[in-house]
């Protein structure tokens, strides 16, 4: 009977190892796909949607002006460079405004 217990344990260990190996391969495949770049034709429906996604330079100009106004209220030692960042609520672009204290 002792022999059967060892066989069951061995079977359980082997099945756990196989399951872990399959899980690792699946995760590695998904992680590898996450770093790929997909090229989209500009004239395709998705390309047009992405092109018109943001309000353009006017939207970003207003957001940068708001960040500059925020920086104008901050104080720091002379020569210090202050920065403020925000994401465009329309397209998600990251914008950063800078001001050097004189």
PDB file of N, CA and C in Angstrom:
ATOM      1  N   UNK A   1       0.814  -1.187   0.000  1.00  0.00           N
ATOM      2  CA  UNK A   1       0.000   0.000   0.000  1.00  0.00           C
ATOM      3  C   UNK A   1       0.867   1.265   0.000  1.00  0.00           C
ATOM      4  N   UNK A   2       2.008   1.175   0.581  1.00  0.00           N
ATOM      5  CA  UNK A   2       2.921   2.306   0.603  1.00  0.00           C
ATOM      6  C   UNK A   2       3.323   2.690  -0.823  1.00  0.00           C
ATOM      7  N   UNK A   3       3.462   1.710  -1.664  1.00  0.00           N
ATOM      8  CA  UNK A   3       3.844   1.961  -3.054  1.00  0.00           C
ATOM      9  C   UNK A   3       2.781   2.794  -3.775  1.00  0.00           C
ATOM     10  N   UNK A   4       1.492   2.567  -3.515  1.00  0.00           N
ATOM     11  CA  UNK A   4       0.418   3.330  -4.141  1.00  0.00           C
ATOM     12  C   UNK A   4       0.432   4.779  -3.700  1.00  0.00           C
ATOM     13  N   UNK A   5       0.755   5.037  -2.453  1.00  0.00           N
ATOM     14  CA  UNK A   5       0.801   6.421  -1.959  1.00  0.00           C
ATOM     15  C   UNK A   5       1.920   7.195  -2.648  1.00  0.00           C
ATOM     16  N   UNK A   6       3.029   6.569  -2.825  1.00  0.00           N
ATOM     17  CA  UNK A   6       4.150   7.228  -3.497  1.00  0.00           C
ATOM     18  C   UNK A   6       3.770   7.520  -4.951  1.00  0.00           C
ATOM     19  N   UNK A   7       3.108   6.590  -5.592  1.00  0.00           N
ATOM     20  CA  UNK A   7       2.701   6.810  -6.972  1.00  0.00           C
ATOM     21  C   UNK A   7       1.703   7.952  -7.089  1.00  0.00           C
ATOM     22  N   UNK A   8       0.781   8.037  -6.160  1.00  0.00           N
ATOM     23  CA  UNK A   8      -0.181   9.139  -6.204  1.00  0.00           C
ATOM     24  C   UNK A   8       0.511  10.472  -5.972  1.00  0.00           C
ATOM     25  N   UNK A   9       1.437  10.500  -5.040  1.00  0.00           N
ATOM     26  CA  UNK A   9       2.182  11.739  -4.784  1.00  0.00           C
ATOM     27  C   UNK A   9       2.992  12.151  -6.009  1.00  0.00           C
ATOM     28  N   UNK A  10       3.621  11.158  -6.612  1.00  0.00           N
ATOM     29  CA  UNK A  10       4.396  11.439  -7.818  1.00  0.00           C
ATOM     30  C   UNK A  10       3.518  11.964  -8.939  1.00  0.00           C
ATOM     31  N   UNK A  11       2.339  11.364  -9.080  1.00  0.00           N
ATOM     32  CA  UNK A  11       1.404  11.824 -10.088  1.00  0.00           C
ATOM     33  C   UNK A  11       0.943  13.243  -9.805  1.00  0.00           C
ATOM     34  N   UNK A  12       0.634  13.541  -8.555  1.00  0.00           N
ATOM     35  CA  UNK A  12       0.210  14.900  -8.187  1.00  0.00           C
ATOM     36  C   UNK A  12       1.319  15.912  -8.447  1.00  0.00           C
ATOM     37  N   UNK A  13       2.545  15.557  -8.076  1.00  0.00           N
ATOM     38  CA  UNK A  13       3.672  16.463  -8.300  1.00  0.00           C
ATOM     39  C   UNK A  13       3.891  16.710  -9.791  1.00  0.00           C
ATOM     40  N   UNK A  14       3.808  15.653 -10.563  1.00  0.00           N
ATOM     41  CA  UNK A  14       4.007  15.790 -12.008  1.00  0.00           C
ATOM     42  C   UNK A  14       2.910  16.637 -12.639  1.00  0.00           C
ATOM     43  N   UNK A  15       1.663  16.436 -12.210  1.00  0.00           N
ATOM     44  CA  UNK A  15       0.571  17.225 -12.783  1.00  0.00           C
ATOM     45  C   UNK A  15       0.672  18.687 -12.359  1.00  0.00           C
ATOM     46  N   UNK A  16       1.106  18.948 -11.132  1.00  0.00           N
ATOM     47  CA  UNK A  16       1.308  20.334 -10.699  1.00  0.00           C
ATOM     48  C   UNK A  16       2.434  20.998 -11.486  1.00  0.00           C
ATOM     49  N   UNK A  17       3.515  20.247 -11.714  1.00  0.00           N
ATOM     50  CA  UNK A  17       4.636  20.798 -12.476  1.00  0.00           C
ATOM     51  C   UNK A  17       4.212  21.083 -13.912  1.00  0.00           C
ATOM     52  N   UNK A  18       3.447  20.175 -14.501  1.00  0.00           N
ATOM     53  CA  UNK A  18       2.980  20.386 -15.866  1.00  0.00           C
ATOM     54  C   UNK A  18       2.044  21.586 -15.941  1.00  0.00           C
ATOM     55  N   UNK A  19       1.149  21.718 -14.972  1.00  0.00           N
ATOM     56  CA  UNK A  19       0.237  22.865 -14.944  1.00  0.00           C
ATOM     57  C   UNK A  19       0.985  24.175 -14.789  1.00  0.00           C
ATOM     58  N   UNK A  20       2.001  24.166 -13.933  1.00  0.00           N
ATOM     59  CA  UNK A  20       2.796  25.383 -13.744  1.00  0.00           C
ATOM     60  C   UNK A  20       3.552  25.734 -15.018  1.00  0.00           C
ATOM     61  N   UNK A  21       4.082  24.735 -15.711  1.00  0.00           N
ATOM     62  CA  UNK A  21       4.809  24.991 -16.954  1.00  0.00           C
ATOM     63  C   UNK A  21       3.881  25.551 -18.028  1.00  0.00           C
ATOM     64  N   UNK A  22       2.680  24.993 -18.139  1.00  0.00           N
ATOM     65  CA  UNK A  22       1.720  25.502 -19.126  1.00  0.00           C
ATOM     66  C   UNK A  22       1.310  26.933 -18.787  1.00  0.00           C
ATOM     67  N   UNK A  23       1.098  27.210 -17.504  1.00  0.00           N
ATOM     68  CA  UNK A  23       0.749  28.569 -17.082  1.00  0.00           C
ATOM     69  C   UNK A  23       1.860  29.559 -17.386  1.00  0.00           C
ATOM     70  N   UNK A  24       3.103  29.148 -17.156  1.00  0.00           N
ATOM     71  CA  UNK A  24       4.241  30.030 -17.427  1.00  0.00           C
ATOM     72  C   UNK A  24       4.364  30.316 -18.925  1.00  0.00           C
ATOM     73  N   UNK A  25       4.163  29.306 -19.743  1.00  0.00           N
ATOM     74  CA  UNK A  25       4.235  29.515 -21.195  1.00  0.00           C
ATOM     75  C   UNK A  25       3.127  30.432 -21.682  1.00  0.00           C
ATOM     76  N   UNK A  26       1.935  30.273 -21.137  1.00  0.00           N
ATOM     77  CA  UNK A  26       0.810  31.128 -21.528  1.00  0.00           C
ATOM     78  C   UNK A  26       1.073  32.570 -21.122  1.00  0.00           C
ATOM     79  N   UNK A  27       1.592  32.767 -19.912  1.00  0.00           N
ATOM     80  CA  UNK A  27       1.880  34.124 -19.446  1.00  0.00           C
ATOM     81  C   UNK A  27       2.990  34.760 -20.269  1.00  0.00           C
ATOM     82  N   UNK A  28       4.008  33.985 -20.618  1.00  0.00           N
ATOM     83  CA  UNK A  28       5.108  34.521 -21.418  1.00  0.00           C
ATOM     84  C   UNK A  28       4.628  34.913 -22.804  1.00  0.00           C
ATOM     85  N   UNK A  29       3.735  34.126 -23.377  1.00  0.00           N
ATOM     86  CA  UNK A  29       3.207  34.445 -24.706  1.00  0.00           C
ATOM     87  C   UNK A  29       2.392  35.733 -24.659  1.00  0.00           C
ATOM     88  N   UNK A  30       1.558  35.906 -23.625  1.00  0.00           N
ATOM     89  CA  UNK A  30       0.747  37.116 -23.495  1.00  0.00           C
ATOM     90  C   UNK A  30       1.628  38.331 -23.232  1.00  0.00           C
ATOM     91  N   UNK A  31       2.674  38.174 -22.421  1.00  0.00           N
ATOM     92  CA  UNK A  31       3.570  39.292 -22.135  1.00  0.00           C
ATOM     93  C   UNK A  31       4.340  39.692 -23.386  1.00  0.00           C
ATOM     94  N   UNK A  32       4.726  38.728 -24.194  1.00  0.00           N
ATOM     95  CA  UNK A  32       5.431  39.033 -25.434  1.00  0.00           C
ATOM     96  C   UNK A  32       4.556  39.781 -26.411  1.00  0.00           C
ATOM     97  N   UNK A  33       3.285  39.460 -26.455  1.00  0.00           N
ATOM     98  CA  UNK A  33       2.359  40.139 -27.359  1.00  0.00           C
ATOM     99  C   UNK A  33       2.073  41.561 -26.899  1.00  0.00           C
ATOM    100  N   UNK A  34       2.234  41.827 -25.600  1.00  0.00           N
ATOM    101  CA  UNK A  34       1.948  43.156 -25.076  1.00  0.00           C
ATOM    102  C   UNK A  34       2.954  44.192 -25.581  1.00  0.00           C
ATOM    103  N   UNK A  35       4.136  43.764 -25.958  1.00  0.00           N
ATOM    104  CA  UNK A  35       5.148  44.693 -26.412  1.00  0.00           C
ATOM    105  C   UNK A  35       5.182  44.896 -27.914  1.00  0.00           C
ATOM    106  N   UNK A  36       4.248  44.349 -28.641  1.00  0.00           N
ATOM    107  CA  UNK A  36       4.259  44.484 -30.092  1.00  0.00           C
ATOM    108  C   UNK A  36       3.633  45.802 -30.521  1.00  0.00           C
ATOM    109  N   UNK A  37       4.034  46.269 -31.677  1.00  0.00           N
ATOM    110  CA  UNK A  37       3.485  47.504 -32.238  1.00  0.00           C
ATOM    111  C   UNK A  37       2.578  47.138 -33.397  1.00  0.00           C
ATOM    112  N   UNK A  38       1.381  47.640 -33.361  1.00  0.00           N
ATOM    113  CA  UNK A  38       0.417  47.384 -34.422  1.00  0.00           C
ATOM    114  C   UNK A  38       0.367  48.621 -35.323  1.00  0.00           C
ATOM    115  N   UNK A  39       0.579  48.443 -36.607  1.00  0.00           N
ATOM    116  CA  UNK A  39       0.495  49.558 -37.546  1.00  0.00           C
ATOM    117  C   UNK A  39      -0.938  49.642 -38.069  1.00  0.00           C
ATOM    118  N   UNK A  40      -1.485  50.853 -38.045  1.00  0.00           N
ATOM    119  CA  UNK A  40      -2.861  51.079 -38.468  1.00  0.00           C
ATOM    120  C   UNK A  40      -2.840  52.012 -39.676  1.00  0.00           C
ATOM    121  N   UNK A  41      -3.542  51.624 -40.707  1.00  0.00           N
ATOM    122  CA  UNK A  41      -3.619  52.461 -41.904  1.00  0.00           C
ATOM    123  C   UNK A  41      -4.363  53.756 -41.577  1.00  0.00           C
ATOM    124  N   UNK A  42      -3.788  54.925 -41.902  1.00  0.00           N
ATOM    125  CA  UNK A  42      -4.427  56.197 -41.568  1.00  0.00           C
ATOM    126  C   UNK A  42      -5.818  56.365 -42.182  1.00  0.00           C
ATOM    127  N   UNK A  43      -6.059  55.740 -43.334  1.00  0.00           N
ATOM    128  CA  UNK A  43      -7.362  55.895 -43.994  1.00  0.00           C
ATOM    129  C   UNK A  43      -8.394  54.884 -43.500  1.00  0.00           C
ATOM    130  N   UNK A  44      -7.977  53.942 -42.650  1.00  0.00           N
ATOM    131  CA  UNK A  44      -8.924  52.946 -42.142  1.00  0.00           C
ATOM    132  C   UNK A  44      -9.867  53.605 -41.134  1.00  0.00           C
ATOM    133  N   UNK A  45     -11.002  52.986 -40.864  1.00  0.00           N
ATOM    134  CA  UNK A  45     -11.926  53.572 -39.877  1.00  0.00           C
ATOM    135  C   UNK A  45     -11.270  53.796 -38.517  1.00  0.00           C
ATOM    136  N   UNK A  46     -10.447  52.834 -38.074  1.00  0.00           N
ATOM    137  CA  UNK A  46      -9.772  53.004 -36.786  1.00  0.00           C
ATOM    138  C   UNK A  46      -8.744  54.127 -36.856  1.00  0.00           C
ATOM    139  N   UNK A  47      -8.018  54.230 -37.973  1.00  0.00           N
ATOM    140  CA  UNK A  47      -7.049  55.303 -38.146  1.00  0.00           C
ATOM    141  C   UNK A  47      -7.704  56.672 -38.098  1.00  0.00           C
ATOM    142  N   UNK A  48      -8.870  56.796 -38.721  1.00  0.00           N
ATOM    143  CA  UNK A  48      -9.596  58.069 -38.690  1.00  0.00           C
ATOM    144  C   UNK A  48     -10.089  58.387 -37.284  1.00  0.00           C
ATOM    145  N   UNK A  49     -10.548  57.369 -36.570  1.00  0.00           N
ATOM    146  CA  UNK A  49     -11.001  57.581 -35.187  1.00  0.00           C
ATOM    147  C   UNK A  49      -9.848  58.076 -34.320  1.00  0.00           C
ATOM    148  N   UNK A  50      -8.683  57.464 -34.466  1.00  0.00           N
ATOM    149  CA  UNK A  50      -7.536  57.864 -33.658  1.00  0.00           C
ATOM    150  C   UNK A  50      -7.055  59.263 -34.030  1.00  0.00           C
ATOM    151  N   UNK A  51      -7.102  59.612 -35.315  1.00  0.00           N
ATOM    152  CA  UNK A  51      -6.667  60.934 -35.748  1.00  0.00           C
ATOM    153  C   UNK A  51      -7.561  62.021 -35.155  1.00  0.00           C
ATOM    154  N   UNK A  52      -8.877  61.769 -35.113  1.00  0.00           N
ATOM    155  CA  UNK A  52      -9.821  62.768 -34.629  1.00  0.00           C
ATOM    156  C   UNK A  52     -10.097  62.656 -33.138  1.00  0.00           C
ATOM    157  N   UNK A  53      -9.312  61.860 -32.450  1.00  0.00           N
ATOM    158  CA  UNK A  53      -9.555  61.598 -31.032  1.00  0.00           C
ATOM    159  C   UNK A  53      -9.339  62.835 -30.166  1.00  0.00           C
ATOM    160  N   UNK A  54      -8.309  63.583 -30.440  1.00  0.00           N
ATOM    161  CA  UNK A  54      -7.966  64.746 -29.618  1.00  0.00           C
ATOM    162  C   UNK A  54      -8.456  66.023 -30.290  1.00  0.00           C
ATOM    163  N   UNK A  55      -8.706  67.037 -29.483  1.00  0.00           N
ATOM    164  CA  UNK A  55      -9.177  68.306 -29.998  1.00  0.00           C
ATOM    165  C   UNK A  55      -8.099  69.088 -30.719  1.00  0.00           C
ATOM    166  N   UNK A  56      -6.873  68.590 -30.715  1.00  0.00           N
ATOM    167  CA  UNK A  56      -5.787  69.243 -31.427  1.00  0.00           C
ATOM    168  C   UNK A  56      -4.986  70.176 -30.538  1.00  0.00           C
ATOM    169  N   UNK A  57      -4.226  71.042 -31.182  1.00  0.00           N
ATOM    170  CA  UNK A  57      -3.317  71.930 -30.464  1.00  0.00           C
ATOM    171  C   UNK A  57      -4.069  72.891 -29.551  1.00  0.00           C
ATOM    172  N   UNK A  58      -5.283  73.292 -29.928  1.00  0.00           N
ATOM    173  CA  UNK A  58      -6.052  74.225 -29.095  1.00  0.00           C
ATOM    174  C   UNK A  58      -6.376  73.605 -27.742  1.00  0.00           C
ATOM    175  N   UNK A  59      -6.743  72.331 -27.718  1.00  0.00           N
ATOM    176  CA  UNK A  59      -7.024  71.651 -26.454  1.00  0.00           C
ATOM    177  C   UNK A  59      -5.777  71.585 -25.588  1.00  0.00           C
ATOM    178  N   UNK A  60      -4.662  71.229 -26.195  1.00  0.00           N
ATOM    179  CA  UNK A  60      -3.423  71.133 -25.439  1.00  0.00           C
ATOM    180  C   UNK A  60      -2.935  72.505 -25.001  1.00  0.00           C
ATOM    181  N   UNK A  61      -3.148  73.540 -25.810  1.00  0.00           N
ATOM    182  CA  UNK A  61      -2.721  74.893 -25.441  1.00  0.00           C
ATOM    183  C   UNK A  61      -3.456  75.361 -24.195  1.00  0.00           C
ATOM    184  N   UNK A  62      -4.741  75.073 -24.100  1.00  0.00           N
ATOM    185  CA  UNK A  62      -5.510  75.476 -22.923  1.00  0.00           C
ATOM    186  C   UNK A  62      -5.026  74.726 -21.684  1.00  0.00           C
ATOM    187  N   UNK A  63      -4.770  73.456 -21.839  1.00  0.00           N
ATOM    188  CA  UNK A  63      -4.281  72.658 -20.710  1.00  0.00           C
ATOM    189  C   UNK A  63      -2.903  73.145 -20.268  1.00  0.00           C
ATOM    190  N   UNK A  64      -2.013  73.461 -21.219  1.00  0.00           N
ATOM    191  CA  UNK A  64      -0.697  74.002 -20.866  1.00  0.00           C
ATOM    192  C   UNK A  64      -0.817  75.364 -20.194  1.00  0.00           C
ATOM    193  N   UNK A  65      -1.752  76.194 -20.639  1.00  0.00           N
ATOM    194  CA  UNK A  65      -1.962  77.499 -19.999  1.00  0.00           C
ATOM    195  C   UNK A  65      -2.425  77.319 -18.559  1.00  0.00           C
ATOM    196  N   UNK A  66      -3.293  76.341 -18.320  1.00  0.00           N
ATOM    197  CA  UNK A  66      -3.734  76.060 -16.950  1.00  0.00           C
ATOM    198  C   UNK A  66      -2.574  75.591 -16.083  1.00  0.00           C
ATOM    199  N   UNK A  67      -1.697  74.757 -16.643  1.00  0.00           N
ATOM    200  CA  UNK A  67      -0.527  74.291 -15.892  1.00  0.00           C
ATOM    201  C   UNK A  67       0.432  75.439 -15.597  1.00  0.00           C
ATOM    202  N   UNK A  68       0.624  76.341 -16.582  1.00  0.00           N
ATOM    203  CA  UNK A  68       1.486  77.508 -16.362  1.00  0.00           C
ATOM    204  C   UNK A  68       0.918  78.402 -15.259  1.00  0.00           C
ATOM    205  N   UNK A  69      -0.404  78.566 -15.227  1.00  0.00           N
ATOM    206  CA  UNK A  69      -1.034  79.369 -14.183  1.00  0.00           C
ATOM    207  C   UNK A  69      -0.811  78.731 -12.817  1.00  0.00           C
ATOM    208  N   UNK A  70      -0.874  77.425 -12.754  1.00  0.00           N
ATOM    209  CA  UNK A  70      -0.605  76.724 -11.496  1.00  0.00           C
ATOM    210  C   UNK A  70       0.834  76.952 -11.059  1.00  0.00           C
ATOM    211  N   UNK A  71       1.769  76.907 -12.006  1.00  0.00           N
ATOM    212  CA  UNK A  71       3.180  77.119 -11.683  1.00  0.00           C
ATOM    213  C   UNK A  71       3.459  78.554 -11.271  1.00  0.00           C
ATOM    214  N   UNK A  72       2.721  79.510 -11.800  1.00  0.00           N
ATOM    215  CA  UNK A  72       2.936  80.922 -11.466  1.00  0.00           C
ATOM    216  C   UNK A  72       2.650  81.182  -9.990  1.00  0.00           C
ATOM    217  N   UNK A  73       1.768  80.396  -9.390  1.00  0.00           N
ATOM    218  CA  UNK A  73       1.422  80.574  -7.984  1.00  0.00           C
ATOM    219  C   UNK A  73       2.420  79.922  -7.032  1.00  0.00           C
ATOM    220  N   UNK A  74       3.286  79.066  -7.533  1.00  0.00           N
ATOM    221  CA  UNK A  74       4.237  78.354  -6.674  1.00  0.00           C
ATOM    222  C   UNK A  74       5.493  79.178  -6.459  1.00  0.00           C
ATOM    223  N   UNK A  75       6.080  79.011  -5.294  1.00  0.00           N
ATOM    224  CA  UNK A  75       7.334  79.693  -4.980  1.00  0.00           C
ATOM    225  C   UNK A  75       8.410  78.651  -4.694  1.00  0.00           C
ATOM    226  N   UNK A  76       9.646  79.047  -4.948  1.00  0.00           N
ATOM    227  CA  UNK A  76      10.794  78.180  -4.692  1.00  0.00           C
ATOM    228  C   UNK A  76      12.041  79.041  -4.693  1.00  0.00           C
ATOM    229  N   UNK A  77      13.171  78.445  -4.392  1.00  0.00           N
ATOM    230  CA  UNK A  77      14.439  79.168  -4.371  1.00  0.00           C
ATOM    231  C   UNK A  77      14.803  79.588  -5.800  1.00  0.00           C
ATOM    232  N   UNK A  78      15.547  80.695  -5.902  1.00  0.00           N
ATOM    233  CA  UNK A  78      15.961  81.205  -7.210  1.00  0.00           C
ATOM    234  C   UNK A  78      16.789  80.148  -7.944  1.00  0.00           C
ATOM    235  N   UNK A  79      16.520  80.001  -9.232  1.00  0.00           N
ATOM    236  CA  UNK A  79      17.236  79.039 -10.055  1.00  0.00           C
ATOM    237  C   UNK A  79      16.581  77.659 -10.100  1.00  0.00           C
ATOM    238  N   UNK A  80      15.558  77.467  -9.295  1.00  0.00           N
ATOM    239  CA  UNK A  80      14.864  76.181  -9.276  1.00  0.00           C
ATOM    240  C   UNK A  80      13.911  76.079 -10.459  1.00  0.00           C
ATOM    241  N   UNK A  81      13.868  74.928 -11.075  1.00  0.00           N
ATOM    242  CA  UNK A  81      12.924  74.691 -12.165  1.00  0.00           C
ATOM    243  C   UNK A  81      11.738  73.911 -11.613  1.00  0.00           C
ATOM    244  N   UNK A  82      10.560  74.494 -11.759  1.00  0.00           N
ATOM    245  CA  UNK A  82       9.333  73.850 -11.313  1.00  0.00           C
ATOM    246  C   UNK A  82       8.652  73.204 -12.506  1.00  0.00           C
ATOM    247  N   UNK A  83       7.912  72.138 -12.250  1.00  0.00           N
ATOM    248  CA  UNK A  83       7.177  71.495 -13.332  1.00  0.00           C
ATOM    249  C   UNK A  83       5.820  71.035 -12.826  1.00  0.00           C
ATOM    250  N   UNK A  84       4.881  70.976 -13.746  1.00  0.00           N
ATOM    251  CA  UNK A  84       3.544  70.456 -13.457  1.00  0.00           C
ATOM    252  C   UNK A  84       3.117  69.633 -14.665  1.00  0.00           C
ATOM    253  N   UNK A  85       2.534  68.490 -14.400  1.00  0.00           N
ATOM    254  CA  UNK A  85       2.114  67.592 -15.481  1.00  0.00           C
ATOM    255  C   UNK A  85       0.638  67.269 -15.367  1.00  0.00           C
ATOM    256  N   UNK A  86       0.049  66.974 -16.499  1.00  0.00           N
ATOM    257  CA  UNK A  86      -1.348  66.546 -16.544  1.00  0.00           C
ATOM    258  C   UNK A  86      -1.549  65.741 -17.821  1.00  0.00           C
ATOM    259  N   UNK A  87      -2.575  64.923 -17.797  1.00  0.00           N
ATOM    260  CA  UNK A  87      -2.940  64.143 -18.982  1.00  0.00           C
ATOM    261  C   UNK A  87      -4.117  64.805 -19.664  1.00  0.00           C
ATOM    262  N   UNK A  88      -4.073  64.873 -20.986  1.00  0.00           N
ATOM    263  CA  UNK A  88      -5.180  65.431 -21.757  1.00  0.00           C
ATOM    264  C   UNK A  88      -6.414  64.558 -21.518  1.00  0.00           C
ATOM    265  N   UNK A  89      -7.532  65.155 -21.115  1.00  0.00           N
ATOM    266  CA  UNK A  89      -8.722  64.353 -20.846  1.00  0.00           C
ATOM    267  C   UNK A  89      -9.332  63.748 -22.106  1.00  0.00           C
ATOM    268  N   UNK A  90      -8.953  64.234 -23.273  1.00  0.00           N
ATOM    269  CA  UNK A  90      -9.530  63.738 -24.518  1.00  0.00           C
ATOM    270  C   UNK A  90      -8.703  62.592 -25.090  1.00  0.00           C
ATOM    271  N   UNK A  91      -7.395  62.813 -25.233  1.00  0.00           N
ATOM    272  CA  UNK A  91      -6.570  61.801 -25.895  1.00  0.00           C
ATOM    273  C   UNK A  91      -5.622  61.075 -24.956  1.00  0.00           C
ATOM    274  N   UNK A  92      -5.429  61.595 -23.747  1.00  0.00           N
ATOM    275  CA  UNK A  92      -4.536  60.935 -22.809  1.00  0.00           C
ATOM    276  C   UNK A  92      -3.081  61.331 -22.964  1.00  0.00           C
ATOM    277  N   UNK A  93      -2.782  62.292 -23.864  1.00  0.00           N
ATOM    278  CA  UNK A  93      -1.407  62.763 -24.029  1.00  0.00           C
ATOM    279  C   UNK A  93      -0.910  63.331 -22.708  1.00  0.00           C
ATOM    280  N   UNK A  94       0.328  63.051 -22.385  1.00  0.00           N
ATOM    281  CA  UNK A  94       0.926  63.598 -21.175  1.00  0.00           C
ATOM    282  C   UNK A  94       1.573  64.941 -21.521  1.00  0.00           C
ATOM    283  N   UNK A  95       1.176  65.989 -20.809  1.00  0.00           N
ATOM    284  CA  UNK A  95       1.698  67.329 -21.045  1.00  0.00           C
ATOM    285  C   UNK A  95       2.405  67.816 -19.782  1.00  0.00           C
ATOM    286  N   UNK A  96       3.521  68.490 -19.959  1.00  0.00           N
ATOM    287  CA  UNK A  96       4.284  69.019 -18.831  1.00  0.00           C
ATOM    288  C   UNK A  96       4.660  70.459 -19.115  1.00  0.00           C
ATOM    289  N   UNK A  97       4.430  71.303 -18.117  1.00  0.00           N
ATOM    290  CA  UNK A  97       4.802  72.719 -18.221  1.00  0.00           C
ATOM    291  C   UNK A  97       5.956  72.972 -17.233  1.00  0.00           C
ATOM    292  N   UNK A  98       6.895  73.833 -17.607  1.00  0.00           N
ATOM    293  CA  UNK A  98       8.038  74.141 -16.790  1.00  0.00           C
ATOM    294  C   UNK A  98       8.124  75.646 -16.542  1.00  0.00           C
ATOM    295  N   UNK A  99       8.681  76.004 -15.376  1.00  0.00           N
ATOM    296  CA  UNK A  99       8.948  77.416 -15.066  1.00  0.00           C
ATOM    297  C   UNK A  99      10.187  77.467 -14.206  1.00  0.00           C
ATOM    298  N   UNK A 100      11.147  78.319 -14.595  1.00  0.00           N
ATOM    299  CA  UNK A 100      12.367  78.510 -13.800  1.00  0.00           C
ATOM    300  C   UNK A 100      12.168  79.753 -12.931  1.00  0.00           C
ATOM    301  N   UNK A 101      12.360  79.584 -11.646  1.00  0.00           N
ATOM    302  CA  UNK A 101      12.200  80.691 -10.699  1.00  0.00           C
ATOM    303  C   UNK A 101      13.413  81.584 -10.789  1.00  0.00           C
ATOM    304  N   UNK A 102      13.154  82.903 -10.934  1.00  0.00           N
ATOM    305  CA  UNK A 102      14.260  83.876 -11.042  1.00  0.00           C
ATOM    306  C   UNK A 102      14.437  84.636  -9.767  1.00  0.00           C
TER     307      UNK A 102
END
